[in-house]
Amino acid sequence: MDPQTVHLPNWVRQKIANGSIHNVADKKLLDLYDASSLQSVVDLAMNCLENAAINRPTMTEVASRLKVWLPAVSGAPRHTDSMDTEIPRQFRLMISRARNEGISFQSGYTNGISQTSLFSGR
């Protein structure tokens, strides 16, 4: 498969349809977390890629689901380094702030870099 012609969401859908997330998840994640937790996150990510906006979860829904999964996932790693723990910690802080201040999320890409922005709902 030519990497320049692969549509990543379609590739992931095809791999998932053929059996499991083992072909789409980073091997390091498979070593760190249980497959059911990763499957839940992959399913959520695929929901976020639905063509029709009405079928995609809102960022509030995404944050709520991840918040429920974070306690289970954050306690699950068998080994971590400082970078592994820093990103989940920052994400938990972002979710907590959003919940407390009525903030919504907007994500996107700028110059190939993923960005998540917070917007006040007040």
N, C-alpha and C. Protein backbone atom coordinates (compact mmCIF):
# COMPACT_ATOMS: atom_id res chain seq x y z
N MET A 1 0.85 -1.18 0.00
CA MET A 1 0.00 0.00 0.00
C MET A 1 0.89 1.24 0.00
N ASP A 2 0.63 2.13 -0.94
CA ASP A 2 1.41 3.37 -1.04
C ASP A 2 1.03 4.31 0.09
N PRO A 3 1.97 4.66 0.98
CA PRO A 3 1.64 5.51 2.13
C PRO A 3 1.07 6.87 1.75
N GLN A 4 1.36 7.35 0.55
CA GLN A 4 0.85 8.66 0.15
C GLN A 4 -0.61 8.60 -0.29
N THR A 5 -1.14 7.41 -0.54
CA THR A 5 -2.52 7.31 -0.99
C THR A 5 -3.45 6.70 0.06
N VAL A 6 -2.93 6.39 1.22
CA VAL A 6 -3.74 5.77 2.27
C VAL A 6 -4.56 6.84 2.99
N HIS A 7 -5.85 6.59 3.10
CA HIS A 7 -6.73 7.44 3.90
C HIS A 7 -6.81 6.77 5.27
N LEU A 8 -6.17 7.37 6.25
CA LEU A 8 -6.00 6.73 7.56
C LEU A 8 -7.30 6.23 8.18
N PRO A 9 -8.37 7.04 8.23
CA PRO A 9 -9.61 6.51 8.83
C PRO A 9 -10.12 5.26 8.12
N ASN A 10 -10.04 5.22 6.79
CA ASN A 10 -10.49 4.04 6.06
C ASN A 10 -9.60 2.83 6.35
N TRP A 11 -8.30 3.07 6.44
CA TRP A 11 -7.37 2.00 6.76
C TRP A 11 -7.69 1.41 8.13
N VAL A 12 -7.93 2.29 9.12
CA VAL A 12 -8.26 1.83 10.47
C VAL A 12 -9.57 1.05 10.46
N ARG A 13 -10.58 1.58 9.76
CA ARG A 13 -11.88 0.87 9.68
C ARG A 13 -11.69 -0.53 9.11
N GLN A 14 -10.87 -0.64 8.06
CA GLN A 14 -10.63 -1.94 7.44
C GLN A 14 -9.94 -2.90 8.41
N LYS A 15 -8.94 -2.42 9.11
CA LYS A 15 -8.22 -3.27 10.06
C LYS A 15 -9.13 -3.72 11.20
N ILE A 16 -9.96 -2.81 11.70
CA ILE A 16 -10.88 -3.15 12.79
C ILE A 16 -11.90 -4.17 12.31
N ALA A 17 -12.40 -3.99 11.09
CA ALA A 17 -13.38 -4.92 10.54
C ALA A 17 -12.80 -6.33 10.40
N ASN A 18 -11.49 -6.42 10.24
CA ASN A 18 -10.83 -7.71 10.10
C ASN A 18 -10.48 -8.37 11.42
N GLY A 19 -10.85 -7.76 12.53
CA GLY A 19 -10.61 -8.47 13.77
C GLY A 19 -10.36 -7.69 15.02
N SER A 20 -9.29 -6.93 15.08
CA SER A 20 -8.98 -6.32 16.36
C SER A 20 -8.18 -5.04 16.19
N ILE A 21 -7.92 -4.40 17.32
CA ILE A 21 -7.14 -3.16 17.31
C ILE A 21 -5.64 -3.42 17.29
N HIS A 22 -5.23 -4.66 17.39
CA HIS A 22 -3.80 -4.97 17.45
C HIS A 22 -3.04 -4.49 16.22
N ASN A 23 -3.74 -4.35 15.10
CA ASN A 23 -3.08 -3.88 13.88
C ASN A 23 -3.10 -2.37 13.74
N VAL A 24 -3.83 -1.67 14.62
CA VAL A 24 -3.92 -0.21 14.50
C VAL A 24 -3.33 0.53 15.69
N ALA A 25 -3.26 -0.11 16.83
CA ALA A 25 -2.74 0.55 18.03
C ALA A 25 -1.22 0.39 18.09
N ASP A 26 -0.57 1.41 18.58
CA ASP A 26 0.87 1.37 18.78
C ASP A 26 1.19 0.20 19.71
N LYS A 27 2.17 -0.58 19.34
CA LYS A 27 2.55 -1.76 20.14
C LYS A 27 2.89 -1.38 21.58
N LYS A 28 3.45 -0.19 21.79
CA LYS A 28 3.78 0.25 23.15
C LYS A 28 2.51 0.41 23.98
N LEU A 29 1.43 0.91 23.35
CA LEU A 29 0.16 1.06 24.06
C LEU A 29 -0.43 -0.29 24.40
N LEU A 30 -0.29 -1.25 23.49
CA LEU A 30 -0.80 -2.59 23.76
C LEU A 30 -0.07 -3.23 24.94
N ASP A 31 1.20 -2.88 25.11
CA ASP A 31 1.95 -3.40 26.26
C ASP A 31 1.57 -2.69 27.55
N LEU A 32 1.16 -1.43 27.45
CA LEU A 32 0.88 -0.63 28.65
C LEU A 32 -0.55 -0.76 29.16
N TYR A 33 -1.52 -0.92 28.26
CA TYR A 33 -2.93 -0.87 28.64
C TYR A 33 -3.66 -2.12 28.17
N ASP A 34 -4.76 -2.43 28.84
CA ASP A 34 -5.53 -3.60 28.43
C ASP A 34 -6.27 -3.30 27.13
N ALA A 35 -6.52 -4.35 26.36
CA ALA A 35 -7.10 -4.21 25.03
C ALA A 35 -8.50 -3.59 25.07
N SER A 36 -9.29 -3.87 26.09
CA SER A 36 -10.65 -3.33 26.13
C SER A 36 -10.64 -1.81 26.31
N SER A 37 -9.70 -1.29 27.10
CA SER A 37 -9.59 0.17 27.26
C SER A 37 -9.18 0.82 25.95
N LEU A 38 -8.20 0.22 25.28
CA LEU A 38 -7.77 0.76 23.99
C LEU A 38 -8.88 0.67 22.96
N GLN A 39 -9.64 -0.43 22.98
CA GLN A 39 -10.75 -0.58 22.04
C GLN A 39 -11.77 0.52 22.24
N SER A 40 -12.05 0.86 23.48
CA SER A 40 -13.00 1.94 23.78
C SER A 40 -12.52 3.27 23.21
N VAL A 41 -11.23 3.56 23.36
CA VAL A 41 -10.68 4.81 22.85
C VAL A 41 -10.69 4.81 21.32
N VAL A 42 -10.34 3.69 20.70
CA VAL A 42 -10.38 3.59 19.23
C VAL A 42 -11.81 3.78 18.74
N ASP A 43 -12.77 3.15 19.40
CA ASP A 43 -14.18 3.31 19.01
C ASP A 43 -14.60 4.78 19.09
N LEU A 44 -14.21 5.44 20.16
CA LEU A 44 -14.54 6.85 20.32
C LEU A 44 -13.89 7.68 19.21
N ALA A 45 -12.63 7.41 18.93
CA ALA A 45 -11.92 8.13 17.86
C ALA A 45 -12.63 7.93 16.52
N MET A 46 -13.07 6.72 16.26
CA MET A 46 -13.77 6.45 15.00
C MET A 46 -15.11 7.17 14.96
N ASN A 47 -15.79 7.28 16.10
CA ASN A 47 -17.04 8.05 16.15
C ASN A 47 -16.78 9.51 15.80
N CYS A 48 -15.63 10.02 16.21
CA CYS A 48 -15.26 11.42 15.93
C CYS A 48 -15.00 11.66 14.45
N LEU A 49 -14.80 10.60 13.70
CA LEU A 49 -14.50 10.71 12.27
C LEU A 49 -15.70 10.50 11.37
N GLU A 50 -16.88 10.36 11.95
CA GLU A 50 -18.08 10.19 11.14
C GLU A 50 -18.21 11.34 10.15
N ASN A 51 -18.66 11.03 8.93
CA ASN A 51 -18.79 12.07 7.90
C ASN A 51 -19.81 13.14 8.27
N ALA A 52 -20.94 12.72 8.77
CA ALA A 52 -22.00 13.67 9.12
C ALA A 52 -21.77 14.19 10.54
N ALA A 53 -21.71 15.49 10.67
CA ALA A 53 -21.46 16.10 11.98
C ALA A 53 -22.47 15.65 13.03
N ILE A 54 -23.70 15.44 12.62
CA ILE A 54 -24.75 15.03 13.56
C ILE A 54 -24.43 13.68 14.20
N ASN A 55 -23.63 12.85 13.52
CA ASN A 55 -23.28 11.53 14.02
C ASN A 55 -22.02 11.53 14.88
N ARG A 56 -21.31 12.66 14.92
CA ARG A 56 -20.09 12.76 15.71
C ARG A 56 -20.42 13.23 17.12
N PRO A 57 -19.70 12.73 18.13
CA PRO A 57 -19.92 13.23 19.49
C PRO A 57 -19.37 14.65 19.62
N THR A 58 -19.96 15.42 20.50
CA THR A 58 -19.43 16.76 20.78
C THR A 58 -18.15 16.60 21.58
N MET A 59 -17.35 17.65 21.64
CA MET A 59 -16.13 17.57 22.43
C MET A 59 -16.46 17.41 23.92
N THR A 60 -17.60 17.93 24.33
CA THR A 60 -18.03 17.73 25.72
C THR A 60 -18.28 16.25 25.97
N GLU A 61 -18.95 15.57 25.02
CA GLU A 61 -19.19 14.14 25.16
C GLU A 61 -17.87 13.36 25.15
N VAL A 62 -16.97 13.75 24.26
CA VAL A 62 -15.66 13.08 24.20
C VAL A 62 -14.93 13.24 25.53
N ALA A 63 -14.89 14.46 26.04
CA ALA A 63 -14.21 14.72 27.31
C ALA A 63 -14.86 13.92 28.44
N SER A 64 -16.19 13.85 28.45
CA SER A 64 -16.89 13.09 29.50
C SER A 64 -16.52 11.62 29.44
N ARG A 65 -16.53 11.05 28.24
CA ARG A 65 -16.19 9.62 28.10
C ARG A 65 -14.75 9.36 28.52
N LEU A 66 -13.84 10.22 28.06
CA LEU A 66 -12.43 10.03 28.42
C LEU A 66 -12.23 10.20 29.92
N LYS A 67 -12.97 11.10 30.52
CA LYS A 67 -12.85 11.31 31.97
C LYS A 67 -13.24 10.05 32.73
N VAL A 68 -14.27 9.36 32.25
CA VAL A 68 -14.68 8.11 32.88
C VAL A 68 -13.60 7.05 32.70
N TRP A 69 -12.97 7.02 31.53
CA TRP A 69 -11.96 6.00 31.25
C TRP A 69 -10.62 6.32 31.88
N LEU A 70 -10.31 7.60 32.09
CA LEU A 70 -8.98 7.97 32.59
C LEU A 70 -8.61 7.29 33.91
N PRO A 71 -9.50 7.22 34.90
CA PRO A 71 -9.09 6.54 36.14
C PRO A 71 -8.67 5.10 35.90
N ALA A 72 -9.41 4.40 35.04
CA ALA A 72 -9.07 3.01 34.76
C ALA A 72 -7.78 2.91 33.96
N VAL A 73 -7.63 3.78 32.98
CA VAL A 73 -6.47 3.72 32.10
C VAL A 73 -5.23 4.27 32.79
N SER A 74 -5.37 5.37 33.53
CA SER A 74 -4.19 5.98 34.14
C SER A 74 -3.58 5.10 35.22
N GLY A 75 -4.38 4.23 35.82
CA GLY A 75 -3.83 3.32 36.81
C GLY A 75 -3.32 2.03 36.22
N ALA A 76 -3.54 1.83 34.92
CA ALA A 76 -3.24 0.57 34.29
C ALA A 76 -1.81 0.38 33.79
N PRO A 77 -1.04 1.43 33.51
CA PRO A 77 0.28 1.18 32.91
C PRO A 77 1.16 0.32 33.80
N ARG A 78 1.87 -0.58 33.14
CA ARG A 78 2.79 -1.45 33.86
C ARG A 78 4.12 -0.75 34.12
N HIS A 79 4.48 0.19 33.24
CA HIS A 79 5.69 0.98 33.42
C HIS A 79 5.50 2.29 32.67
N THR A 80 6.08 3.35 33.21
CA THR A 80 5.93 4.66 32.58
C THR A 80 7.23 5.43 32.72
N ASP A 81 7.34 6.45 31.89
CA ASP A 81 8.40 7.42 32.11
C ASP A 81 7.72 8.78 32.29
N SER A 82 8.49 9.81 32.53
CA SER A 82 7.89 11.11 32.85
C SER A 82 7.00 11.62 31.73
N MET A 83 7.34 11.37 30.47
CA MET A 83 6.52 11.84 29.35
C MET A 83 5.19 11.10 29.32
N ASP A 84 5.21 9.79 29.63
CA ASP A 84 3.97 9.01 29.63
C ASP A 84 2.98 9.54 30.66
N THR A 85 3.46 10.02 31.80
CA THR A 85 2.55 10.49 32.84
C THR A 85 2.20 11.96 32.68
N GLU A 86 3.04 12.74 32.03
CA GLU A 86 2.80 14.17 31.90
C GLU A 86 1.60 14.47 31.00
N ILE A 87 1.48 13.78 29.87
CA ILE A 87 0.38 14.06 28.95
C ILE A 87 -0.97 13.72 29.58
N PRO A 88 -1.17 12.52 30.16
CA PRO A 88 -2.46 12.27 30.81
C PRO A 88 -2.76 13.26 31.92
N ARG A 89 -1.74 13.69 32.68
CA ARG A 89 -1.96 14.65 33.75
C ARG A 89 -2.47 15.97 33.18
N GLN A 90 -1.86 16.43 32.10
CA GLN A 90 -2.30 17.68 31.47
C GLN A 90 -3.72 17.54 30.95
N PHE A 91 -4.05 16.38 30.38
CA PHE A 91 -5.39 16.17 29.85
C PHE A 91 -6.41 16.16 30.98
N ARG A 92 -6.08 15.52 32.10
CA ARG A 92 -7.01 15.51 33.24
C ARG A 92 -7.25 16.93 33.75
N LEU A 93 -6.19 17.74 33.80
CA LEU A 93 -6.34 19.13 34.24
C LEU A 93 -7.22 19.91 33.28
N MET A 94 -7.06 19.67 31.98
CA MET A 94 -7.86 20.36 30.98
C MET A 94 -9.34 19.99 31.12
N ILE A 95 -9.62 18.70 31.31
CA ILE A 95 -11.00 18.25 31.47
C ILE A 95 -11.60 18.83 32.74
N SER A 96 -10.84 18.80 33.83
CA SER A 96 -11.33 19.33 35.10
C SER A 96 -11.66 20.81 34.98
N ARG A 97 -10.78 21.56 34.34
CA ARG A 97 -11.02 23.00 34.16
C ARG A 97 -12.27 23.23 33.31
N ALA A 98 -12.41 22.44 32.26
CA ALA A 98 -13.56 22.60 31.38
C ALA A 98 -14.86 22.33 32.13
N ARG A 99 -14.87 21.29 32.93
CA ARG A 99 -16.08 20.94 33.68
C ARG A 99 -16.43 22.03 34.68
N ASN A 100 -15.44 22.53 35.37
CA ASN A 100 -15.67 23.53 36.41
C ASN A 100 -16.03 24.90 35.86
N GLU A 101 -15.57 25.23 34.67
CA GLU A 101 -15.78 26.56 34.13
C GLU A 101 -16.72 26.59 32.93
N GLY A 102 -17.36 25.48 32.61
CA GLY A 102 -18.29 25.45 31.48
C GLY A 102 -17.60 25.72 30.15
N ILE A 103 -16.42 25.16 29.99
CA ILE A 103 -15.64 25.39 28.78
C ILE A 103 -15.85 24.24 27.81
N SER A 104 -15.87 24.56 26.51
CA SER A 104 -15.95 23.52 25.49
C SER A 104 -14.62 23.44 24.77
N PHE A 105 -14.42 22.34 24.04
CA PHE A 105 -13.17 22.09 23.34
C PHE A 105 -13.35 22.26 21.84
N GLN A 106 -12.30 22.69 21.18
CA GLN A 106 -12.25 22.69 19.72
C GLN A 106 -10.87 22.22 19.34
N SER A 107 -10.80 21.23 18.46
CA SER A 107 -9.49 20.74 18.07
C SER A 107 -9.31 20.90 16.58
N GLY A 108 -8.05 20.91 16.14
CA GLY A 108 -7.75 21.03 14.73
C GLY A 108 -6.27 20.91 14.49
N TYR A 109 -5.88 21.14 13.25
CA TYR A 109 -4.48 21.02 12.87
C TYR A 109 -4.00 22.33 12.27
N THR A 110 -2.82 22.75 12.66
CA THR A 110 -2.17 23.91 12.09
C THR A 110 -0.74 23.51 11.75
N ASN A 111 -0.39 23.65 10.49
CA ASN A 111 0.96 23.27 10.03
C ASN A 111 1.33 21.85 10.45
N GLY A 112 0.34 20.93 10.37
CA GLY A 112 0.59 19.54 10.70
C GLY A 112 0.68 19.24 12.17
N ILE A 113 0.40 20.22 13.03
CA ILE A 113 0.47 20.01 14.48
C ILE A 113 -0.95 20.02 15.04
N SER A 114 -1.28 18.97 15.79
CA SER A 114 -2.59 18.89 16.40
C SER A 114 -2.69 19.91 17.52
N GLN A 115 -3.82 20.61 17.56
CA GLN A 115 -4.03 21.60 18.60
C GLN A 115 -5.41 21.41 19.20
N THR A 116 -5.53 21.63 20.49
CA THR A 116 -6.82 21.63 21.17
C THR A 116 -6.96 22.96 21.87
N SER A 117 -8.08 23.62 21.61
CA SER A 117 -8.32 24.92 22.21
C SER A 117 -9.49 24.83 23.16
N LEU A 118 -9.47 25.66 24.16
CA LEU A 118 -10.56 25.75 25.12
C LEU A 118 -11.32 27.04 24.88
N PHE A 119 -12.63 26.97 24.91
CA PHE A 119 -13.46 28.14 24.75
C PHE A 119 -14.42 28.23 25.92
N SER A 120 -14.52 29.40 26.50
CA SER A 120 -15.40 29.59 27.64
C SER A 120 -16.84 29.56 27.19
N GLY A 121 -17.65 28.84 27.94
CA GLY A 121 -19.07 28.78 27.65
C GLY A 121 -19.83 29.88 28.34
N ARG A 122 -19.14 30.76 29.04
CA ARG A 122 -19.78 31.83 29.81
C ARG A 122 -19.89 33.08 29.00
